[in-house]
PDB file of N, CA and C in Angstrom:
ATOM      1  N   MET A   1       7.476  19.428  -2.715  1.00  0.00           N
ATOM      2  CA  MET A   1       7.832  18.092  -3.168  1.00  0.00           C
ATOM      3  C   MET A   1       6.664  17.127  -2.971  1.00  0.00           C
ATOM      4  N   LEU A   2       5.949  17.227  -1.866  1.00  0.00           N
ATOM      5  CA  LEU A   2       4.818  16.343  -1.592  1.00  0.00           C
ATOM      6  C   LEU A   2       3.739  16.489  -2.665  1.00  0.00           C
ATOM      7  N   LYS A   3       3.493  17.706  -3.077  1.00  0.00           N
ATOM      8  CA  LYS A   3       2.494  17.965  -4.112  1.00  0.00           C
ATOM      9  C   LYS A   3       2.903  17.292  -5.425  1.00  0.00           C
ATOM     10  N   ARG A   4       4.166  17.366  -5.753  1.00  0.00           N
ATOM     11  CA  ARG A   4       4.680  16.749  -6.989  1.00  0.00           C
ATOM     12  C   ARG A   4       4.571  15.226  -6.913  1.00  0.00           C
ATOM     13  N   GLU A   5       4.890  14.645  -5.762  1.00  0.00           N
ATOM     14  CA  GLU A   5       4.804  13.184  -5.611  1.00  0.00           C
ATOM     15  C   GLU A   5       3.357  12.697  -5.681  1.00  0.00           C
ATOM     16  N   ARG A   6       2.433  13.474  -5.135  1.00  0.00           N
ATOM     17  CA  ARG A   6       1.016  13.097  -5.235  1.00  0.00           C
ATOM     18  C   ARG A   6       0.548  13.149  -6.684  1.00  0.00           C
ATOM     19  N   ALA A   7       1.025  14.129  -7.439  1.00  0.00           N
ATOM     20  CA  ALA A   7       0.681  14.226  -8.863  1.00  0.00           C
ATOM     21  C   ALA A   7       1.251  13.013  -9.611  1.00  0.00           C
ATOM     22  N   ARG A   8       2.466  12.624  -9.260  1.00  0.00           N
ATOM     23  CA  ARG A   8       3.067  11.436  -9.892  1.00  0.00           C
ATOM     24  C   ARG A   8       2.268  10.179  -9.553  1.00  0.00           C
ATOM     25  N   ALA A   9       1.763  10.100  -8.324  1.00  0.00           N
ATOM     26  CA  ALA A   9       0.956   8.947  -7.922  1.00  0.00           C
ATOM     27  C   ALA A   9      -0.322   8.884  -8.751  1.00  0.00           C
ATOM     28  N   ARG A  10      -0.949  10.028  -8.990  1.00  0.00           N
ATOM     29  CA  ARG A  10      -2.165  10.042  -9.828  1.00  0.00           C
ATOM     30  C   ARG A  10      -1.845   9.579 -11.243  1.00  0.00           C
ATOM     31  N   GLU A  11      -0.705  10.020 -11.784  1.00  0.00           N
ATOM     32  CA  GLU A  11      -0.298   9.586 -13.128  1.00  0.00           C
ATOM     33  C   GLU A  11      -0.054   8.075 -13.147  1.00  0.00           C
ATOM     34  N   LEU A  12       0.617   7.589 -12.123  1.00  0.00           N
ATOM     35  CA  LEU A  12       0.910   6.161 -12.031  1.00  0.00           C
ATOM     36  C   LEU A  12      -0.385   5.359 -11.921  1.00  0.00           C
ATOM     37  N   GLY A  13      -1.356   5.877 -11.166  1.00  0.00           N
ATOM     38  CA  GLY A  13      -2.638   5.204 -11.004  1.00  0.00           C
ATOM     39  C   GLY A  13      -3.437   5.105 -12.290  1.00  0.00           C
ATOM     40  N   ALA A  14      -3.169   6.000 -13.228  1.00  0.00           N
ATOM     41  CA  ALA A  14      -3.869   5.978 -14.512  1.00  0.00           C
ATOM     42  C   ALA A  14      -3.126   5.146 -15.564  1.00  0.00           C
ATOM     43  N   SER A  15      -1.962   4.646 -15.216  1.00  0.00           N
ATOM     44  CA  SER A  15      -1.138   3.935 -16.199  1.00  0.00           C
ATOM     45  C   SER A  15      -1.603   2.497 -16.423  1.00  0.00           C
ATOM     46  N   GLN A  16      -1.239   1.946 -17.557  1.00  0.00           N
ATOM     47  CA  GLN A  16      -1.536   0.548 -17.859  1.00  0.00           C
ATOM     48  C   GLN A  16      -0.803  -0.374 -16.892  1.00  0.00           C
ATOM     49  N   TRP A  17       0.376   0.019 -16.458  1.00  0.00           N
ATOM     50  CA  TRP A  17       1.137  -0.777 -15.495  1.00  0.00           C
ATOM     51  C   TRP A  17       0.311  -0.986 -14.226  1.00  0.00           C
ATOM     52  N   TRP A  18      -0.271   0.079 -13.704  1.00  0.00           N
ATOM     53  CA  TRP A  18      -1.071  -0.032 -12.475  1.00  0.00           C
ATOM     54  C   TRP A  18      -2.328  -0.863 -12.714  1.00  0.00           C
ATOM     55  N   LYS A  19      -2.961  -0.675 -13.860  1.00  0.00           N
ATOM     56  CA  LYS A  19      -4.165  -1.442 -14.172  1.00  0.00           C
ATOM     57  C   LYS A  19      -3.865  -2.940 -14.230  1.00  0.00           C
ATOM     58  N   ARG A  20      -2.717  -3.302 -14.781  1.00  0.00           N
ATOM     59  CA  ARG A  20      -2.312  -4.717 -14.786  1.00  0.00           C
ATOM     60  C   ARG A  20      -1.995  -5.179 -13.364  1.00  0.00           C
ATOM     61  N   ARG A  21      -1.424  -4.297 -12.587  1.00  0.00           N
ATOM     62  CA  ARG A  21      -1.028  -4.629 -11.209  1.00  0.00           C
ATOM     63  C   ARG A  21      -2.241  -4.953 -10.330  1.00  0.00           C
ATOM     64  N   ILE A  22      -3.338  -4.259 -10.539  1.00  0.00           N
ATOM     65  CA  ILE A  22      -4.517  -4.465  -9.702  1.00  0.00           C
ATOM     66  C   ILE A  22      -5.526  -5.443 -10.312  1.00  0.00           C
ATOM     67  N   ALA A  23      -5.262  -5.920 -11.505  1.00  0.00           N
ATOM     68  CA  ALA A  23      -6.221  -6.759 -12.231  1.00  0.00           C
ATOM     69  C   ALA A  23      -6.645  -8.000 -11.443  1.00  0.00           C
ATOM     70  N   ASP A  24      -5.728  -8.587 -10.675  1.00  0.00           N
ATOM     71  CA  ASP A  24      -6.091  -9.797  -9.917  1.00  0.00           C
ATOM     72  C   ASP A  24      -6.908  -9.471  -8.666  1.00  0.00           C
ATOM     73  N   GLY A  25      -6.961  -8.194  -8.281  1.00  0.00           N
ATOM     74  CA  GLY A  25      -7.793  -7.769  -7.157  1.00  0.00           C
ATOM     75  C   GLY A  25      -7.300  -8.208  -5.794  1.00  0.00           C
ATOM     76  N   LYS A  26      -6.007  -8.527  -5.680  1.00  0.00           N
ATOM     77  CA  LYS A  26      -5.460  -9.073  -4.444  1.00  0.00           C
ATOM     78  C   LYS A  26      -4.678  -8.012  -3.658  1.00  0.00           C
ATOM     79  N   CYS A  27      -4.938  -7.967  -2.356  1.00  0.00           N
ATOM     80  CA  CYS A  27      -4.248  -7.035  -1.458  1.00  0.00           C
ATOM     81  C   CYS A  27      -2.822  -7.519  -1.200  1.00  0.00           C
ATOM     82  N   PHE A  28      -1.874  -6.626  -1.315  1.00  0.00           N
ATOM     83  CA  PHE A  28      -0.467  -6.946  -1.075  1.00  0.00           C
ATOM     84  C   PHE A  28      -0.233  -7.368   0.371  1.00  0.00           C
ATOM     85  N   TYR A  29      -0.923  -6.754   1.308  1.00  0.00           N
ATOM     86  CA  TYR A  29      -0.667  -6.989   2.723  1.00  0.00           C
ATOM     87  C   TYR A  29      -1.368  -8.215   3.286  1.00  0.00           C
ATOM     88  N   CYS A  30      -2.654  -8.345   3.071  1.00  0.00           N
ATOM     89  CA  CYS A  30      -3.390  -9.470   3.681  1.00  0.00           C
ATOM     90  C   CYS A  30      -3.611 -10.632   2.717  1.00  0.00           C
ATOM     91  N   GLY A  31      -3.431 -10.395   1.429  1.00  0.00           N
ATOM     92  CA  GLY A  31      -3.580 -11.461   0.452  1.00  0.00           C
ATOM     93  C   GLY A  31      -5.011 -11.773   0.055  1.00  0.00           C
ATOM     94  N   ARG A  32      -5.980 -11.069   0.653  1.00  0.00           N
ATOM     95  CA  ARG A  32      -7.380 -11.313   0.300  1.00  0.00           C
ATOM     96  C   ARG A  32      -7.667 -10.793  -1.105  1.00  0.00           C
ATOM     97  N   THR A  33      -8.569 -11.457  -1.799  1.00  0.00           N
ATOM     98  CA  THR A  33      -9.028 -10.993  -3.097  1.00  0.00           C
ATOM     99  C   THR A  33     -10.271 -10.147  -2.855  1.00  0.00           C
ATOM    100  N   VAL A  34     -10.164  -8.854  -3.160  1.00  0.00           N
ATOM    101  CA  VAL A  34     -11.264  -7.922  -2.906  1.00  0.00           C
ATOM    102  C   VAL A  34     -11.790  -7.296  -4.191  1.00  0.00           C
ATOM    103  N   GLY A  35     -11.129  -7.562  -5.304  1.00  0.00           N
ATOM    104  CA  GLY A  35     -11.523  -6.969  -6.579  1.00  0.00           C
ATOM    105  C   GLY A  35     -10.715  -5.715  -6.870  1.00  0.00           C
ATOM    106  N   ALA A  36     -10.460  -5.497  -8.120  1.00  0.00           N
ATOM    107  CA  ALA A  36      -9.615  -4.376  -8.534  1.00  0.00           C
ATOM    108  C   ALA A  36     -10.170  -3.021  -8.103  1.00  0.00           C
ATOM    109  N   ARG A  37     -11.477  -2.870  -8.133  1.00  0.00           N
ATOM    110  CA  ARG A  37     -12.072  -1.572  -7.791  1.00  0.00           C
ATOM    111  C   ARG A  37     -11.963  -1.249  -6.300  1.00  0.00           C
ATOM    112  N   ALA A  38     -11.778  -2.270  -5.475  1.00  0.00           N
ATOM    113  CA  ALA A  38     -11.691  -2.066  -4.028  1.00  0.00           C
ATOM    114  C   ALA A  38     -10.255  -1.840  -3.549  1.00  0.00           C
ATOM    115  N   LEU A  39      -9.292  -1.911  -4.460  1.00  0.00           N
ATOM    116  CA  LEU A  39      -7.903  -1.716  -4.072  1.00  0.00           C
ATOM    117  C   LEU A  39      -7.514  -0.244  -4.131  1.00  0.00           C
ATOM    118  N   THR A  40      -6.616   0.126  -3.223  1.00  0.00           N
ATOM    119  CA  THR A  40      -6.075   1.479  -3.208  1.00  0.00           C
ATOM    120  C   THR A  40      -4.575   1.395  -3.429  1.00  0.00           C
ATOM    121  N   MET A  41      -3.997   2.503  -3.824  1.00  0.00           N
ATOM    122  CA  MET A  41      -2.554   2.564  -4.007  1.00  0.00           C
ATOM    123  C   MET A  41      -1.926   2.938  -2.669  1.00  0.00           C
ATOM    124  N   ASP A  42      -1.011   2.107  -2.202  1.00  0.00           N
ATOM    125  CA  ASP A  42      -0.312   2.399  -0.957  1.00  0.00           C
ATOM    126  C   ASP A  42       1.166   2.574  -1.248  1.00  0.00           C
ATOM    127  N   HIS A  43       1.744   3.603  -0.673  1.00  0.00           N
ATOM    128  CA  HIS A  43       3.188   3.811  -0.768  1.00  0.00           C
ATOM    129  C   HIS A  43       3.828   3.004   0.354  1.00  0.00           C
ATOM    130  N   VAL A  44       4.688   2.057   0.008  1.00  0.00           N
ATOM    131  CA  VAL A  44       5.344   1.208   1.001  1.00  0.00           C
ATOM    132  C   VAL A  44       6.100   2.099   1.988  1.00  0.00           C
ATOM    133  N   VAL A  45       6.917   3.000   1.479  1.00  0.00           N
ATOM    134  CA  VAL A  45       7.508   4.058   2.299  1.00  0.00           C
ATOM    135  C   VAL A  45       6.659   5.286   2.017  1.00  0.00           C
ATOM    136  N   PRO A  46       5.871   5.728   2.990  1.00  0.00           N
ATOM    137  CA  PRO A  46       4.928   6.828   2.775  1.00  0.00           C
ATOM    138  C   PRO A  46       5.596   8.116   2.294  1.00  0.00           C
ATOM    139  N   LEU A  47       4.838   8.891   1.531  1.00  0.00           N
ATOM    140  CA  LEU A  47       5.353  10.155   1.017  1.00  0.00           C
ATOM    141  C   LEU A  47       5.827  11.056   2.151  1.00  0.00           C
ATOM    142  N   GLY A  48       5.083  11.084   3.232  1.00  0.00           N
ATOM    143  CA  GLY A  48       5.440  11.920   4.368  1.00  0.00           C
ATOM    144  C   GLY A  48       6.693  11.475   5.097  1.00  0.00           C
ATOM    145  N   ARG A  49       7.178  10.280   4.777  1.00  0.00           N
ATOM    146  CA  ARG A  49       8.382   9.745   5.417  1.00  0.00           C
ATOM    147  C   ARG A  49       9.520   9.624   4.405  1.00  0.00           C
ATOM    148  N   GLY A  50       9.385  10.345   3.277  1.00  0.00           N
ATOM    149  CA  GLY A  50      10.458  10.364   2.285  1.00  0.00           C
ATOM    150  C   GLY A  50      10.277   9.420   1.115  1.00  0.00           C
ATOM    151  N   GLY A  51       9.150   8.727   1.041  1.00  0.00           N
ATOM    152  CA  GLY A  51       8.895   7.813  -0.070  1.00  0.00           C
ATOM    153  C   GLY A  51       8.629   8.563  -1.364  1.00  0.00           C
ATOM    154  N   ARG A  52       8.701   7.844  -2.447  1.00  0.00           N
ATOM    155  CA  ARG A  52       8.471   8.442  -3.770  1.00  0.00           C
ATOM    156  C   ARG A  52       7.349   7.699  -4.468  1.00  0.00           C
ATOM    157  N   SER A  53       6.771   8.349  -5.447  1.00  0.00           N
ATOM    158  CA  SER A  53       5.710   7.730  -6.254  1.00  0.00           C
ATOM    159  C   SER A  53       6.345   7.074  -7.468  1.00  0.00           C
ATOM    160  N   VAL A  54       6.973   5.940  -7.217  1.00  0.00           N
ATOM    161  CA  VAL A  54       7.614   5.156  -8.279  1.00  0.00           C
ATOM    162  C   VAL A  54       7.120   3.721  -8.180  1.00  0.00           C
ATOM    163  N   ARG A  55       7.260   2.978  -9.244  1.00  0.00           N
ATOM    164  CA  ARG A  55       6.746   1.606  -9.294  1.00  0.00           C
ATOM    165  C   ARG A  55       7.239   0.739  -8.145  1.00  0.00           C
ATOM    166  N   GLY A  56       8.463   0.886  -7.750  1.00  0.00           N
ATOM    167  CA  GLY A  56       9.020   0.053  -6.691  1.00  0.00           C
ATOM    168  C   GLY A  56       8.521   0.397  -5.294  1.00  0.00           C
ATOM    169  N   ASN A  57       7.795   1.495  -5.163  1.00  0.00           N
ATOM    170  CA  ASN A  57       7.343   1.927  -3.840  1.00  0.00           C
ATOM    171  C   ASN A  57       5.829   1.926  -3.680  1.00  0.00           C
ATOM    172  N   VAL A  58       5.097   1.455  -4.671  1.00  0.00           N
ATOM    173  CA  VAL A  58       3.646   1.424  -4.538  1.00  0.00           C
ATOM    174  C   VAL A  58       3.137  -0.004  -4.692  1.00  0.00           C
ATOM    175  N   VAL A  59       2.139  -0.330  -3.872  1.00  0.00           N
ATOM    176  CA  VAL A  59       1.511  -1.644  -3.921  1.00  0.00           C
ATOM    177  C   VAL A  59       0.003  -1.455  -3.853  1.00  0.00           C
ATOM    178  N   ALA A  60      -0.706  -2.476  -4.276  1.00  0.00           N
ATOM    179  CA  ALA A  60      -2.163  -2.464  -4.202  1.00  0.00           C
ATOM    180  C   ALA A  60      -2.582  -3.012  -2.846  1.00  0.00           C
ATOM    181  N   ALA A  61      -3.396  -2.247  -2.133  1.00  0.00           N
ATOM    182  CA  ALA A  61      -3.833  -2.659  -0.795  1.00  0.00           C
ATOM    183  C   ALA A  61      -5.333  -2.443  -0.663  1.00  0.00           C
ATOM    184  N   CYS A  62      -5.968  -3.333   0.105  1.00  0.00           N
ATOM    185  CA  CYS A  62      -7.380  -3.112   0.399  1.00  0.00           C
ATOM    186  C   CYS A  62      -7.472  -1.926   1.360  1.00  0.00           C
ATOM    187  N   LYS A  63      -8.624  -1.301   1.404  1.00  0.00           N
ATOM    188  CA  LYS A  63      -8.801  -0.115   2.238  1.00  0.00           C
ATOM    189  C   LYS A  63      -8.510  -0.386   3.715  1.00  0.00           C
ATOM    190  N   PRO A  64      -8.991  -1.510   4.298  1.00  0.00           N
ATOM    191  CA  PRO A  64      -8.674  -1.748   5.712  1.00  0.00           C
ATOM    192  C   PRO A  64      -7.170  -1.841   5.988  1.00  0.00           C
ATOM    193  N   CYS A  65      -6.424  -2.541   5.134  1.00  0.00           N
ATOM    194  CA  CYS A  65      -4.977  -2.647   5.340  1.00  0.00           C
ATOM    195  C   CYS A  65      -4.300  -1.299   5.160  1.00  0.00           C
ATOM    196  N   ASN A  66      -4.711  -0.559   4.140  1.00  0.00           N
ATOM    197  CA  ASN A  66      -4.114   0.755   3.887  1.00  0.00           C
ATOM    198  C   ASN A  66      -4.377   1.682   5.070  1.00  0.00           C
ATOM    199  N   THR A  67      -5.570   1.617   5.625  1.00  0.00           N
ATOM    200  CA  THR A  67      -5.910   2.459   6.776  1.00  0.00           C
ATOM    201  C   THR A  67      -5.105   2.054   8.009  1.00  0.00           C
ATOM    202  N   LYS A  68      -4.963   0.754   8.250  1.00  0.00           N
ATOM    203  CA  LYS A  68      -4.208   0.281   9.405  1.00  0.00           C
ATOM    204  C   LYS A  68      -2.726   0.619   9.296  1.00  0.00           C
ATOM    205  N   LYS A  69      -2.190   0.562   8.097  1.00  0.00           N
ATOM    206  CA  LYS A  69      -0.760   0.811   7.902  1.00  0.00           C
ATOM    207  C   LYS A  69      -0.401   2.270   8.167  1.00  0.00           C
ATOM    208  N   ARG A  70      -1.320   3.169   7.870  1.00  0.00           N
ATOM    209  CA  ARG A  70      -1.101   4.605   8.071  1.00  0.00           C
ATOM    210  C   ARG A  70       0.228   5.037   7.464  1.00  0.00           C
ATOM    211  N   SER A  71       1.085   5.647   8.261  1.00  0.00           N
ATOM    212  CA  SER A  71       2.357   6.148   7.738  1.00  0.00           C
ATOM    213  C   SER A  71       3.537   5.324   8.232  1.00  0.00           C
ATOM    214  N   LEU A  72       3.286   4.037   8.487  1.00  0.00           N
ATOM    215  CA  LEU A  72       4.361   3.167   8.948  1.00  0.00           C
ATOM    216  C   LEU A  72       5.274   2.775   7.791  1.00  0.00           C
ATOM    217  N   VAL A  73       6.557   2.670   8.083  1.00  0.00           N
ATOM    218  CA  VAL A  73       7.510   2.161   7.102  1.00  0.00           C
ATOM    219  C   VAL A  73       7.527   0.636   7.250  1.00  0.00           C
ATOM    220  N   PRO A  74       8.087  -0.101   6.295  1.00  0.00           N
ATOM    221  CA  PRO A  74       8.008  -1.564   6.327  1.00  0.00           C
ATOM    222  C   PRO A  74       8.448  -2.212   7.641  1.00  0.00           C
ATOM    223  N   VAL A  75       9.514  -1.771   8.236  1.00  0.00           N
ATOM    224  CA  VAL A  75       9.984  -2.398   9.475  1.00  0.00           C
ATOM    225  C   VAL A  75       8.983  -2.149  10.617  1.00  0.00           C
ATOM    226  N   GLU A  76       8.359  -0.992  10.651  1.00  0.00           N
ATOM    227  CA  GLU A  76       7.349  -0.700  11.671  1.00  0.00           C
ATOM    228  C   GLU A  76       6.081  -1.518  11.433  1.00  0.00           C
ATOM    229  N   TRP A  77       5.704  -1.675  10.173  1.00  0.00           N
ATOM    230  CA  TRP A  77       4.525  -2.476   9.827  1.00  0.00           C
ATOM    231  C   TRP A  77       4.752  -3.938  10.231  1.00  0.00           C
ATOM    232  N   ALA A  78       5.958  -4.458   9.969  1.00  0.00           N
ATOM    233  CA  ALA A  78       6.276  -5.843  10.334  1.00  0.00           C
ATOM    234  C   ALA A  78       6.203  -6.013  11.856  1.00  0.00           C
ATOM    235  N   ALA A  79       6.689  -5.033  12.612  1.00  0.00           N
ATOM    236  CA  ALA A  79       6.623  -5.101  14.072  1.00  0.00           C
ATOM    237  C   ALA A  79       5.168  -5.085  14.540  1.00  0.00           C
ATOM    238  N   TYR A  80       4.351  -4.283  13.894  1.00  0.00           N
ATOM    239  CA  TYR A  80       2.929  -4.221  14.221  1.00  0.00           C
ATOM    240  C   TYR A  80       2.274  -5.585  13.999  1.00  0.00           C
ATOM    241  N   LEU A  81       2.563  -6.219  12.866  1.00  0.00           N
ATOM    242  CA  LEU A  81       1.988  -7.532  12.564  1.00  0.00           C
ATOM    243  C   LEU A  81       2.462  -8.580  13.575  1.00  0.00           C
ATOM    244  N   ARG A  82       3.736  -8.514  13.972  1.00  0.00           N
ATOM    245  CA  ARG A  82       4.243  -9.449  14.980  1.00  0.00           C
ATOM    246  C   ARG A  82       3.522  -9.254  16.310  1.00  0.00           C
ATOM    247  N   SER A  83       3.233  -8.006  16.652  1.00  0.00           N
ATOM    248  CA  SER A  83       2.529  -7.742  17.915  1.00  0.00           C
ATOM    249  C   SER A  83       1.114  -8.324  17.868  1.00  0.00           C
ATOM    250  N   LEU A  84       0.488  -8.311  16.708  1.00  0.00           N
ATOM    251  CA  LEU A  84      -0.839  -8.920  16.580  1.00  0.00           C
ATOM    252  C   LEU A  84      -0.754 -10.429  16.769  1.00  0.00           C
ATOM    253  N   ASP A  85       0.284 -11.043  16.206  1.00  0.00           N
ATOM    254  CA  ASP A  85       0.482 -12.485  16.364  1.00  0.00           C
ATOM    255  C   ASP A  85       0.715 -12.843  17.827  1.00  0.00           C
ATOM    256  N   ALA A  86       1.485 -12.022  18.532  1.00  0.00           N
ATOM    257  CA  ALA A  86       1.769 -12.280  19.942  1.00  0.00           C
ATOM    258  C   ALA A  86       0.500 -12.209  20.770  1.00  0.00           C
ATOM    259  N   VAL A  87      -0.354 -11.271  20.451  1.00  0.00           N
ATOM    260  CA  VAL A  87      -1.621 -11.129  21.180  1.00  0.00           C
ATOM    261  C   VAL A  87      -2.528 -12.325  20.899  1.00  0.00           C
ATOM    262  N   SER A  88      -2.571 -12.782  19.660  1.00  0.00           N
ATOM    263  CA  SER A  88      -3.449 -13.905  19.319  1.00  0.00           C
ATOM    264  C   SER A  88      -2.926 -15.228  19.872  1.00  0.00           C
ATOM    265  N   ASP A  89      -1.616 -15.306  20.171  1.00  0.00           N
ATOM    266  CA  ASP A  89      -1.040 -16.525  20.735  1.00  0.00           C
ATOM    267  C   ASP A  89      -1.346 -16.667  22.220  1.00  0.00           C
ATOM    268  N   GLU A  90      -1.701 -15.581  22.868  1.00  0.00           N
ATOM    269  CA  GLU A  90      -1.947 -15.614  24.325  1.00  0.00           C
ATOM    270  C   GLU A  90      -3.240 -16.275  24.668  1.00  0.00           C
TER     271      GLU A  90
END
């Protein structure tokens, strides 16, 4: 199943929908504008955690955010971001 979902992700990445999605060059997570070529496809719910390669589960992310997110699901990612805020408030 993982192999099939990765193939679907490659197809989605070649689609006009994805090209329009990344055209503004903005990272979904940090909001920085890095340019369309610097964006990667991130599965909000990772494939290894049961996510699918469908439009509703993929976002454009800069490489640093995609790397930091790893295989976290949205609730875990939100907790991680809150922990960063708590550290910066100290």
